[in-house]
Amino acid sequence: MSNDQYYGGQQYDPYANGTGNANGNGQPNQGQQSPDVTQTWEGQTWDTTYQPAVSYEQVRADRAQAQQAAQQAPQGYQPQPQQQPYEPYASHQASYESYGAPAAYYAEPQPQPQPQPQPQQEQAHAHAQAHVQAAPAPAYAQAAPASVEQEPVPASAGEAGGPAWSSPTTSGNTRITDAQRARAEGRSPVIEPGIQPAALTAVLGLLIAAGAALGTYGLLLPLVLLQGLTAAGWFRLNGMWPARQGIALAFAGGLAADAALLATGREHAAGAILGTLGVWVLLCLVLQLRSHADPDERMYGLMATVASAALTVVATGLLGAEPDAVVVGGIAVAAAVVARALPLPGPVSLLAALLASAGAGIAAGGLTDLGTSGALLGLGAGVCALIGLRVASYDYPSRFVHMTAGVALPLTAAAPAVYLLGRALV
């Protein structure tokens, strides 16, 4: 668009008002430059004073002439197919160059009377417009999918220097855990630990059975490992992490119960376990009363600490039970948790776990003095193990909960059944 449209049809002269570097007569001013005038470019540049206006009607006429010239070409001339869509543009570019300026300086069409075109010109003009409008369509249709496919992928937050995590979503973000995704999607809060924690539980149960067969001190090492996993897993299951003081207090309670039982003997196992439990509950209460946290938080911490200490101390029952009962119970728990982890429907998996524990009890009872009564002990240990496994699966547990509480709670929950049933059956 030319400058004539902005200045009343006259070419704009920045030196016509006498305030620039030249006066009205074209002579340079000798006085001081006006403060209202900005600095101008003095070097060589392109000639911008000549900007011809090309009307829309002239362009239409050029298109019609180019089309007529193309129709009157010799019949023997056959243009190549790949150059045919670009033929109108070449003729138009040649017509634009005849005016000495790019096509970007089109002037707006001015309403003025025009002579009526001939029918032949109208037909040629309509054919040219139809050809021009139809030619770019396939190119655009072919280029559109390419532009979509070649859309650049935005760089990740880690590459751009931002945080290496993203906001929680429900559409498959790999940075959030399965528990967080299940909670966001509103699914069941029960998430089974799976086959890996079940395999670890089975290994730990077999170690306990082998240690019991070796003797009291052979059982002590896997029992201490079980108590440590129980103390850490219960606090994490309740959402309290880090809780080093509570974990250390609960684990110390288990070690104290082990020491008391070893000092008093297996005959006084019940007194040693209950006495240690009472002392540790009182100790937990005193420590929570000295806390400066809110009352609700103190009550929650007290319940978690007491429960973790109680479970850790109760696991000492494996040390006070009969060795044959510990052997049968460890093997039965291992069989139950592995059968429960198999990909079976819910009721079928539960029934398979109970049958596996009873069968393992019968098999282990044949190796000990329990005989067929090992089926009852194995079934009782399997039921308690499934209860502990269910507790470790509740309230959207994380992977850490599965690898601690999911491993330890089945064996810890089975300890009272092994102790009581072993005393009754042996």
Protein backbone atom coordinates (compact mmCIF):
# COMPACT_ATOMS: atom_id res chain seq x y z
CA MET A 1 0.00 0.00 0.00
CA SER A 2 1.52 3.33 -1.05
CA ASN A 3 2.09 6.36 1.12
CA ASP A 4 -0.30 8.39 -1.05
CA GLN A 5 -3.28 6.92 0.72
CA TYR A 6 -2.09 8.20 4.09
CA TYR A 7 -1.22 11.75 3.02
CA GLY A 8 -4.14 12.79 0.89
CA GLY A 9 -2.85 11.58 -2.46
CA GLN A 10 0.37 13.61 -2.19
CA GLN A 11 3.78 12.20 -1.65
CA TYR A 12 5.05 12.74 1.83
CA ASP A 13 8.06 15.08 2.09
CA PRO A 14 9.66 15.14 5.53
CA TYR A 15 11.57 18.36 4.65
CA ALA A 16 8.63 20.37 3.39
CA ASN A 17 7.76 22.00 6.73
CA GLY A 18 11.19 23.48 7.26
CA THR A 19 11.84 21.70 10.52
CA GLY A 20 14.15 19.06 9.16
CA ASN A 21 17.60 19.33 7.62
CA ALA A 22 16.27 21.31 4.65
CA ASN A 23 13.97 24.27 4.36
CA GLY A 24 11.02 24.70 2.11
CA ASN A 25 13.28 25.69 -0.79
CA GLY A 26 15.39 22.57 -0.54
CA GLN A 27 18.27 24.46 1.12
CA PRO A 28 19.80 23.06 4.30
CA ASN A 29 19.06 24.91 7.51
CA GLN A 30 21.93 26.71 9.12
CA GLY A 31 20.27 26.99 12.48
CA GLN A 32 19.91 24.49 15.29
CA GLN A 33 17.90 21.34 14.67
CA SER A 34 14.43 21.25 16.16
CA PRO A 35 14.13 19.06 19.24
CA ASP A 36 10.93 17.50 17.82
CA VAL A 37 12.77 15.92 14.90
CA THR A 38 14.50 12.59 15.44
CA GLN A 39 17.78 11.61 13.92
CA THR A 40 17.54 10.38 10.32
CA TRP A 41 19.65 7.96 8.33
CA GLU A 42 22.31 9.70 6.24
CA GLY A 43 23.94 6.74 4.45
CA GLN A 44 23.11 5.11 1.17
CA THR A 45 19.95 3.07 1.14
CA TRP A 46 17.26 1.87 -1.18
CA ASP A 47 15.14 4.32 -3.08
CA THR A 48 11.84 4.37 -1.18
CA THR A 49 10.45 7.50 -2.83
CA TYR A 50 9.10 5.56 -5.79
CA GLN A 51 6.30 3.24 -4.76
CA PRO A 52 3.93 2.73 -7.68
CA ALA A 53 0.33 1.75 -6.98
CA VAL A 54 -0.95 -1.30 -8.85
CA SER A 55 -4.71 -1.45 -8.98
CA TYR A 56 -6.65 -4.67 -8.65
CA GLU A 57 -8.34 -4.15 -12.02
CA GLN A 58 -4.94 -4.01 -13.76
CA VAL A 59 -3.98 -7.32 -12.17
CA ARG A 60 -7.23 -8.89 -13.35
CA ALA A 61 -6.63 -7.66 -16.87
CA ASP A 62 -3.09 -9.07 -16.87
CA ARG A 63 -4.40 -12.44 -15.76
CA ALA A 64 -6.93 -12.50 -18.58
CA GLN A 65 -4.27 -11.59 -21.16
CA ALA A 66 -1.96 -14.30 -19.87
CA GLN A 67 -4.74 -16.86 -20.12
CA GLN A 68 -5.57 -15.87 -23.68
CA ALA A 69 -1.90 -16.11 -24.64
CA ALA A 70 -1.73 -19.60 -23.16
CA GLN A 71 -4.82 -20.72 -25.11
CA GLN A 72 -3.42 -19.39 -28.41
CA ALA A 73 -0.12 -21.29 -28.03
CA PRO A 74 0.76 -23.83 -30.79
CA GLN A 75 -0.95 -27.20 -30.45
CA GLY A 76 2.35 -29.08 -30.70
CA TYR A 77 3.61 -27.54 -27.47
CA GLN A 78 2.87 -29.73 -24.45
CA PRO A 79 3.96 -28.35 -21.07
CA GLN A 80 5.40 -30.82 -18.59
CA PRO A 81 2.92 -32.06 -15.95
CA GLN A 82 4.97 -31.08 -12.94
CA GLN A 83 5.23 -27.44 -14.12
CA GLN A 84 1.55 -27.01 -15.03
CA PRO A 85 0.25 -25.93 -11.58
CA TYR A 86 2.88 -23.17 -11.41
CA GLU A 87 2.22 -21.76 -14.91
CA PRO A 88 -0.28 -19.05 -13.83
CA TYR A 89 2.07 -17.86 -11.11
CA ALA A 90 4.95 -17.46 -13.58
CA SER A 91 2.84 -15.32 -15.87
CA HIS A 92 1.55 -13.27 -12.96
CA GLN A 93 5.07 -12.72 -11.66
CA ALA A 94 6.16 -11.51 -15.07
CA SER A 95 3.22 -9.11 -15.17
CA TYR A 96 4.08 -7.82 -11.69
CA GLU A 97 7.72 -7.27 -12.62
CA SER A 98 6.64 -5.12 -15.57
CA TYR A 99 5.53 -2.51 -13.04
CA GLY A 100 8.89 -2.53 -11.32
CA ALA A 101 7.64 -3.32 -7.79
CA PRO A 102 6.66 -6.41 -5.79
CA ALA A 103 3.07 -7.56 -5.58
CA ALA A 104 2.97 -6.69 -1.90
CA TYR A 105 2.20 -3.05 -2.81
CA TYR A 106 -1.26 -3.71 -4.15
CA ALA A 107 -3.49 -0.76 -3.83
CA GLU A 108 -7.01 -1.14 -2.56
CA PRO A 109 -9.51 -1.30 -5.40
CA GLN A 110 -11.05 2.11 -5.99
CA PRO A 111 -14.64 2.34 -7.20
CA GLN A 112 -14.46 3.72 -10.70
CA PRO A 113 -16.39 3.05 -13.88
CA GLN A 114 -14.93 0.30 -16.02
CA PRO A 115 -15.80 -0.66 -19.56
CA GLN A 116 -17.92 -3.73 -19.95
CA PRO A 117 -15.69 -6.71 -20.78
CA GLN A 118 -16.30 -8.80 -23.79
CA PRO A 119 -17.92 -12.25 -23.34
CA GLN A 120 -14.75 -13.92 -24.47
CA GLN A 121 -12.71 -12.00 -21.84
CA GLU A 122 -15.24 -12.86 -19.12
CA GLN A 123 -15.03 -16.54 -20.03
CA ALA A 124 -11.21 -16.44 -20.01
CA HIS A 125 -11.17 -14.55 -16.71
CA ALA A 126 -13.55 -17.05 -15.06
CA HIS A 127 -11.47 -19.95 -16.33
CA ALA A 128 -8.28 -18.32 -15.02
CA GLN A 129 -9.77 -17.71 -11.58
CA ALA A 130 -11.07 -21.26 -11.37
CA HIS A 131 -7.67 -22.60 -12.35
CA VAL A 132 -5.82 -20.37 -9.85
CA GLN A 133 -8.17 -21.22 -6.98
CA ALA A 134 -8.14 -24.95 -7.71
CA ALA A 135 -4.41 -25.33 -8.27
CA PRO A 136 -3.11 -24.63 -4.71
CA ALA A 137 -5.79 -26.82 -3.07
CA PRO A 138 -4.05 -30.20 -3.58
CA ALA A 139 -0.73 -28.74 -2.44
CA TYR A 140 -2.33 -27.49 0.77
CA ALA A 141 -4.17 -30.76 1.33
CA GLN A 142 -0.93 -32.66 0.91
CA ALA A 143 1.05 -30.29 3.10
CA ALA A 144 -1.43 -30.27 5.98
CA PRO A 145 -0.75 -33.82 7.22
CA ALA A 146 2.99 -33.27 6.88
CA SER A 147 2.77 -30.18 9.05
CA VAL A 148 0.89 -32.14 11.68
CA GLU A 149 3.30 -35.05 11.58
CA GLN A 150 6.36 -32.81 11.67
CA GLU A 151 5.16 -30.75 14.61
CA PRO A 152 8.14 -30.40 16.95
CA VAL A 153 7.85 -32.18 20.27
CA PRO A 154 8.36 -29.82 23.21
CA ALA A 155 11.42 -30.51 25.29
CA SER A 156 10.93 -32.14 28.64
CA ALA A 157 11.17 -30.22 31.87
CA GLY A 158 14.45 -31.86 32.75
CA GLU A 159 16.09 -30.81 29.43
CA ALA A 160 14.82 -27.25 29.76
CA GLY A 161 16.37 -26.88 33.18
CA GLY A 162 13.08 -27.12 35.08
CA PRO A 163 12.01 -29.70 37.63
CA ALA A 164 12.34 -33.36 36.74
CA TRP A 165 8.80 -34.18 37.78
CA SER A 166 5.36 -33.28 36.58
CA SER A 167 1.99 -32.72 38.13
CA PRO A 168 -0.02 -35.87 39.04
CA THR A 169 -2.28 -37.05 36.24
CA THR A 170 -4.53 -40.01 35.58
CA SER A 171 -3.48 -40.69 31.99
CA GLY A 172 -0.38 -42.79 32.33
CA ASN A 173 2.24 -40.48 33.65
CA THR A 174 5.20 -42.73 34.47
CA ARG A 175 6.54 -40.49 37.25
CA ILE A 176 3.63 -41.22 39.65
CA THR A 177 3.26 -44.50 41.49
CA ASP A 178 0.55 -47.08 41.01
CA ALA A 179 -0.92 -46.13 44.37
CA GLN A 180 -1.14 -42.43 43.43
CA ARG A 181 -2.72 -43.30 40.08
CA ALA A 182 -5.25 -45.59 41.76
CA ARG A 183 -6.13 -42.91 44.30
CA ALA A 184 -6.53 -40.26 41.59
CA GLU A 185 -8.75 -42.55 39.53
CA GLY A 186 -10.90 -43.45 42.54
CA ARG A 187 -10.18 -47.17 42.37
CA SER A 188 -10.13 -49.59 45.30
CA PRO A 189 -7.71 -48.67 48.12
CA VAL A 190 -6.61 -52.32 48.34
CA ILE A 191 -3.52 -53.03 46.22
CA GLU A 192 -2.01 -56.49 46.59
CA PRO A 193 1.78 -56.57 47.08
CA GLY A 194 2.34 -58.95 44.16
CA ILE A 195 4.69 -61.81 43.46
CA GLN A 196 8.00 -60.17 44.48
CA PRO A 197 7.02 -59.45 48.11
CA ALA A 198 5.39 -62.88 48.25
CA ALA A 199 8.65 -64.47 47.11
CA LEU A 200 10.57 -62.56 49.79
CA THR A 201 8.05 -63.64 52.41
CA ALA A 202 8.45 -67.24 51.30
CA VAL A 203 12.24 -66.98 51.53
CA LEU A 204 12.05 -65.43 54.99
CA GLY A 205 9.56 -68.08 56.13
CA LEU A 206 11.84 -70.86 54.94
CA LEU A 207 14.78 -69.23 56.73
CA ILE A 208 12.74 -69.12 59.95
CA ALA A 209 11.79 -72.78 59.53
CA ALA A 210 15.40 -73.76 58.88
CA GLY A 211 16.61 -71.67 61.84
CA ALA A 212 14.07 -73.30 64.15
CA ALA A 213 15.28 -76.70 63.03
CA LEU A 214 18.84 -75.69 63.91
CA GLY A 215 17.99 -74.35 67.36
CA THR A 216 17.14 -71.22 69.32
CA TYR A 217 20.12 -69.16 68.23
CA GLY A 218 19.73 -70.30 64.65
CA LEU A 219 16.23 -68.78 64.69
CA LEU A 220 17.40 -65.51 66.25
CA LEU A 221 18.95 -63.94 63.11
CA PRO A 222 15.94 -64.26 60.74
CA LEU A 223 13.65 -63.25 63.64
CA VAL A 224 15.56 -59.99 64.17
CA LEU A 225 15.27 -59.27 60.42
CA LEU A 226 11.53 -59.90 60.62
CA GLN A 227 11.16 -57.51 63.56
CA GLY A 228 13.05 -54.74 61.77
CA LEU A 229 10.87 -55.03 58.66
CA THR A 230 7.74 -55.02 60.82
CA ALA A 231 8.71 -51.85 62.70
CA ALA A 232 9.62 -49.90 59.54
CA GLY A 233 6.72 -51.22 57.45
CA TRP A 234 4.01 -50.40 59.98
CA PHE A 235 5.02 -46.75 60.28
CA ARG A 236 5.20 -46.37 56.53
CA LEU A 237 1.85 -48.13 56.16
CA ASN A 238 0.31 -45.46 58.41
CA GLY A 239 1.82 -42.66 56.32
CA MET A 240 4.40 -41.63 58.95
CA TRP A 241 7.79 -41.18 57.29
CA PRO A 242 10.46 -40.46 58.26
CA ALA A 243 9.82 -41.77 61.80
CA ARG A 244 13.26 -42.84 62.93
CA GLN A 245 12.56 -42.45 66.64
CA GLY A 246 9.35 -44.47 66.48
CA ILE A 247 10.94 -47.19 64.36
CA ALA A 248 13.94 -47.39 66.66
CA LEU A 249 11.68 -47.53 69.71
CA ALA A 250 9.54 -50.34 68.29
CA PHE A 251 12.57 -52.29 67.10
CA ALA A 252 14.19 -51.90 70.50
CA GLY A 253 11.04 -53.34 72.05
CA GLY A 254 11.40 -56.46 69.92
CA LEU A 255 15.04 -56.85 70.83
CA ALA A 256 14.19 -56.41 74.51
CA ALA A 257 11.53 -59.13 74.25
CA ASP A 258 14.04 -61.46 72.59
CA ALA A 259 16.59 -60.81 75.31
CA ALA A 260 14.00 -61.34 78.07
CA LEU A 261 12.86 -64.63 76.54
CA LEU A 262 16.40 -65.89 76.15
CA ALA A 263 17.10 -64.94 79.76
CA THR A 264 13.99 -66.58 81.22
CA GLY A 265 13.72 -69.59 78.89
CA ARG A 266 10.99 -70.90 76.61
CA GLU A 267 8.88 -71.98 79.61
CA HIS A 268 8.30 -68.36 80.61
CA ALA A 269 7.88 -67.03 77.09
CA ALA A 270 4.38 -65.62 77.68
CA GLY A 271 5.46 -63.67 80.77
CA ALA A 272 8.53 -62.27 79.02
CA ILE A 273 6.52 -61.16 75.98
CA LEU A 274 3.64 -59.58 77.96
CA GLY A 275 5.98 -57.91 80.46
CA THR A 276 8.09 -56.35 77.70
CA LEU A 277 4.97 -55.23 75.90
CA GLY A 278 3.59 -53.49 79.00
CA VAL A 279 6.84 -51.67 79.67
CA TRP A 280 7.11 -50.50 76.07
CA VAL A 281 3.55 -49.22 75.94
CA LEU A 282 4.23 -47.13 79.05
CA LEU A 283 7.47 -45.86 77.53
CA CYS A 284 5.71 -44.86 74.30
CA LEU A 285 3.06 -43.00 76.30
CA VAL A 286 5.66 -41.04 78.27
CA LEU A 287 7.56 -40.06 75.12
CA GLN A 288 4.40 -38.86 73.37
CA LEU A 289 3.38 -36.77 76.38
CA ARG A 290 6.67 -34.90 76.12
CA SER A 291 6.05 -34.10 72.46
CA HIS A 292 5.24 -30.49 71.48
CA ALA A 293 3.07 -31.46 68.52
CA ASP A 294 -0.67 -30.90 68.20
CA PRO A 295 -2.92 -33.12 70.32
CA ASP A 296 -4.34 -34.92 67.27
CA GLU A 297 -0.89 -35.57 65.88
CA ARG A 298 0.36 -36.79 69.22
CA MET A 299 -2.55 -39.22 69.54
CA TYR A 300 -1.97 -40.52 66.02
CA GLY A 301 1.75 -40.96 66.67
CA LEU A 302 1.04 -42.71 69.98
CA MET A 303 -1.28 -45.25 68.35
CA ALA A 304 1.17 -45.95 65.52
CA THR A 305 4.11 -46.36 67.92
CA VAL A 306 2.22 -48.63 70.30
CA ALA A 307 0.90 -50.79 67.45
CA SER A 308 4.33 -51.11 65.85
CA ALA A 309 5.95 -52.00 69.18
CA ALA A 310 3.20 -54.52 69.93
CA LEU A 311 3.62 -56.26 66.56
CA THR A 312 7.40 -56.36 66.94
CA VAL A 313 7.16 -57.81 70.43
CA VAL A 314 4.49 -60.34 69.37
CA ALA A 315 6.85 -61.64 66.65
CA THR A 316 9.04 -62.88 69.52
CA GLY A 317 6.43 -65.61 69.96
CA LEU A 318 8.21 -67.54 67.21
CA LEU A 319 11.22 -67.74 69.49
CA GLY A 320 9.12 -69.06 72.37
CA ALA A 321 7.10 -71.59 70.35
CA GLU A 322 7.98 -75.23 69.85
CA PRO A 323 10.60 -75.73 67.13
CA ASP A 324 8.42 -78.23 65.22
CA ALA A 325 5.52 -75.80 65.22
CA VAL A 326 7.78 -73.02 63.91
CA VAL A 327 8.96 -75.29 61.09
CA VAL A 328 5.40 -76.14 60.05
CA GLY A 329 4.19 -72.55 60.43
CA GLY A 330 7.04 -71.05 58.37
CA ILE A 331 6.49 -73.46 55.49
CA ALA A 332 2.69 -73.01 55.60
CA VAL A 333 2.96 -69.19 55.46
CA ALA A 334 5.37 -69.41 52.54
CA ALA A 335 2.95 -71.61 50.59
CA ALA A 336 -0.07 -69.42 51.42
CA VAL A 337 1.40 -66.08 50.29
CA VAL A 338 2.79 -67.55 47.05
CA ALA A 339 -0.58 -69.11 46.19
CA ARG A 340 -2.33 -65.83 47.01
CA ALA A 341 -0.04 -63.91 44.64
CA LEU A 342 -0.95 -66.09 41.66
CA PRO A 343 -3.10 -64.40 38.96
CA LEU A 344 -6.38 -66.06 39.91
CA PRO A 345 -9.87 -64.65 40.63
CA GLY A 346 -10.41 -63.39 44.18
CA PRO A 347 -12.39 -66.28 45.75
CA VAL A 348 -10.38 -68.89 43.85
CA SER A 349 -7.10 -67.30 44.97
CA LEU A 350 -8.23 -67.23 48.61
CA LEU A 351 -9.31 -70.87 48.53
CA ALA A 352 -6.09 -71.90 46.81
CA ALA A 353 -4.03 -70.11 49.50
CA LEU A 354 -5.86 -71.89 52.33
CA LEU A 355 -5.51 -75.27 50.65
CA ALA A 356 -1.83 -74.61 49.99
CA SER A 357 -1.19 -73.74 53.64
CA ALA A 358 -3.01 -76.86 54.86
CA GLY A 359 -1.16 -79.04 52.36
CA ALA A 360 2.18 -77.52 53.33
CA GLY A 361 1.30 -78.15 56.99
CA ILE A 362 0.64 -81.82 56.29
CA ALA A 363 3.89 -82.13 54.32
CA ALA A 364 5.93 -80.36 57.00
CA GLY A 365 4.18 -82.28 59.75
CA GLY A 366 5.40 -85.51 58.19
CA LEU A 367 8.97 -84.24 58.64
CA THR A 368 8.37 -83.45 62.33
CA ASP A 369 6.53 -85.06 65.24
CA LEU A 370 3.26 -83.25 64.46
CA GLY A 371 2.15 -85.66 61.74
CA THR A 372 -1.30 -85.00 60.30
CA SER A 373 -2.04 -82.43 62.99
CA GLY A 374 0.30 -80.19 61.08
CA ALA A 375 -2.59 -79.54 58.66
CA LEU A 376 -4.53 -77.71 61.40
CA LEU A 377 -1.50 -75.71 62.44
CA GLY A 378 -0.69 -74.90 58.83
CA LEU A 379 -4.28 -73.83 58.15
CA GLY A 380 -4.32 -71.55 61.22
CA ALA A 381 -0.98 -70.01 60.24
CA GLY A 382 -2.24 -69.53 56.67
CA VAL A 383 -5.39 -67.71 57.82
CA CYS A 384 -3.37 -65.31 60.01
CA ALA A 385 -0.88 -64.78 57.18
CA LEU A 386 -3.67 -63.82 54.76
CA ILE A 387 -5.01 -61.34 57.35
CA GLY A 388 -1.58 -59.73 57.64
CA LEU A 389 -1.25 -59.65 53.87
CA ARG A 390 -4.63 -57.92 53.59
CA VAL A 391 -3.58 -55.28 56.13
CA ALA A 392 -0.41 -54.57 54.14
CA SER A 393 -2.53 -54.12 51.00
CA TYR A 394 -4.87 -51.48 52.38
CA ASP A 395 -5.14 -47.70 51.84
CA TYR A 396 -3.17 -47.33 48.57
CA PRO A 397 0.16 -48.74 49.83
CA SER A 398 3.36 -47.71 48.13
CA ARG A 399 6.11 -49.96 46.84
CA PHE A 400 8.10 -49.41 50.02
CA VAL A 401 5.14 -50.63 52.09
CA HIS A 402 4.87 -53.73 49.92
CA MET A 403 8.56 -54.52 50.33
CA THR A 404 8.49 -54.06 54.13
CA ALA A 405 5.05 -54.55 55.65
CA GLY A 406 3.95 -56.75 52.75
CA VAL A 407 6.88 -59.07 53.48
CA ALA A 408 6.83 -59.05 57.29
CA LEU A 409 3.17 -58.79 58.34
CA PRO A 410 2.11 -62.29 57.12
CA LEU A 411 4.79 -63.93 59.27
CA THR A 412 4.27 -61.56 62.21
CA ALA A 413 0.51 -62.12 62.22
CA ALA A 414 1.05 -65.90 62.13
CA ALA A 415 3.34 -65.87 65.20
CA PRO A 416 0.52 -66.03 67.83
CA ALA A 417 -1.19 -68.89 65.96
CA VAL A 418 2.09 -70.80 65.72
CA TYR A 419 2.76 -70.29 69.43
CA LEU A 420 -0.73 -71.22 70.68
CA LEU A 421 -1.42 -74.09 68.29
CA GLY A 422 2.07 -75.44 68.79
CA ARG A 423 1.55 -75.53 72.54
CA ALA A 424 -1.78 -77.25 72.11
CA LEU A 425 -0.80 -79.83 69.51
CA VAL A 426 2.73 -80.83 70.48
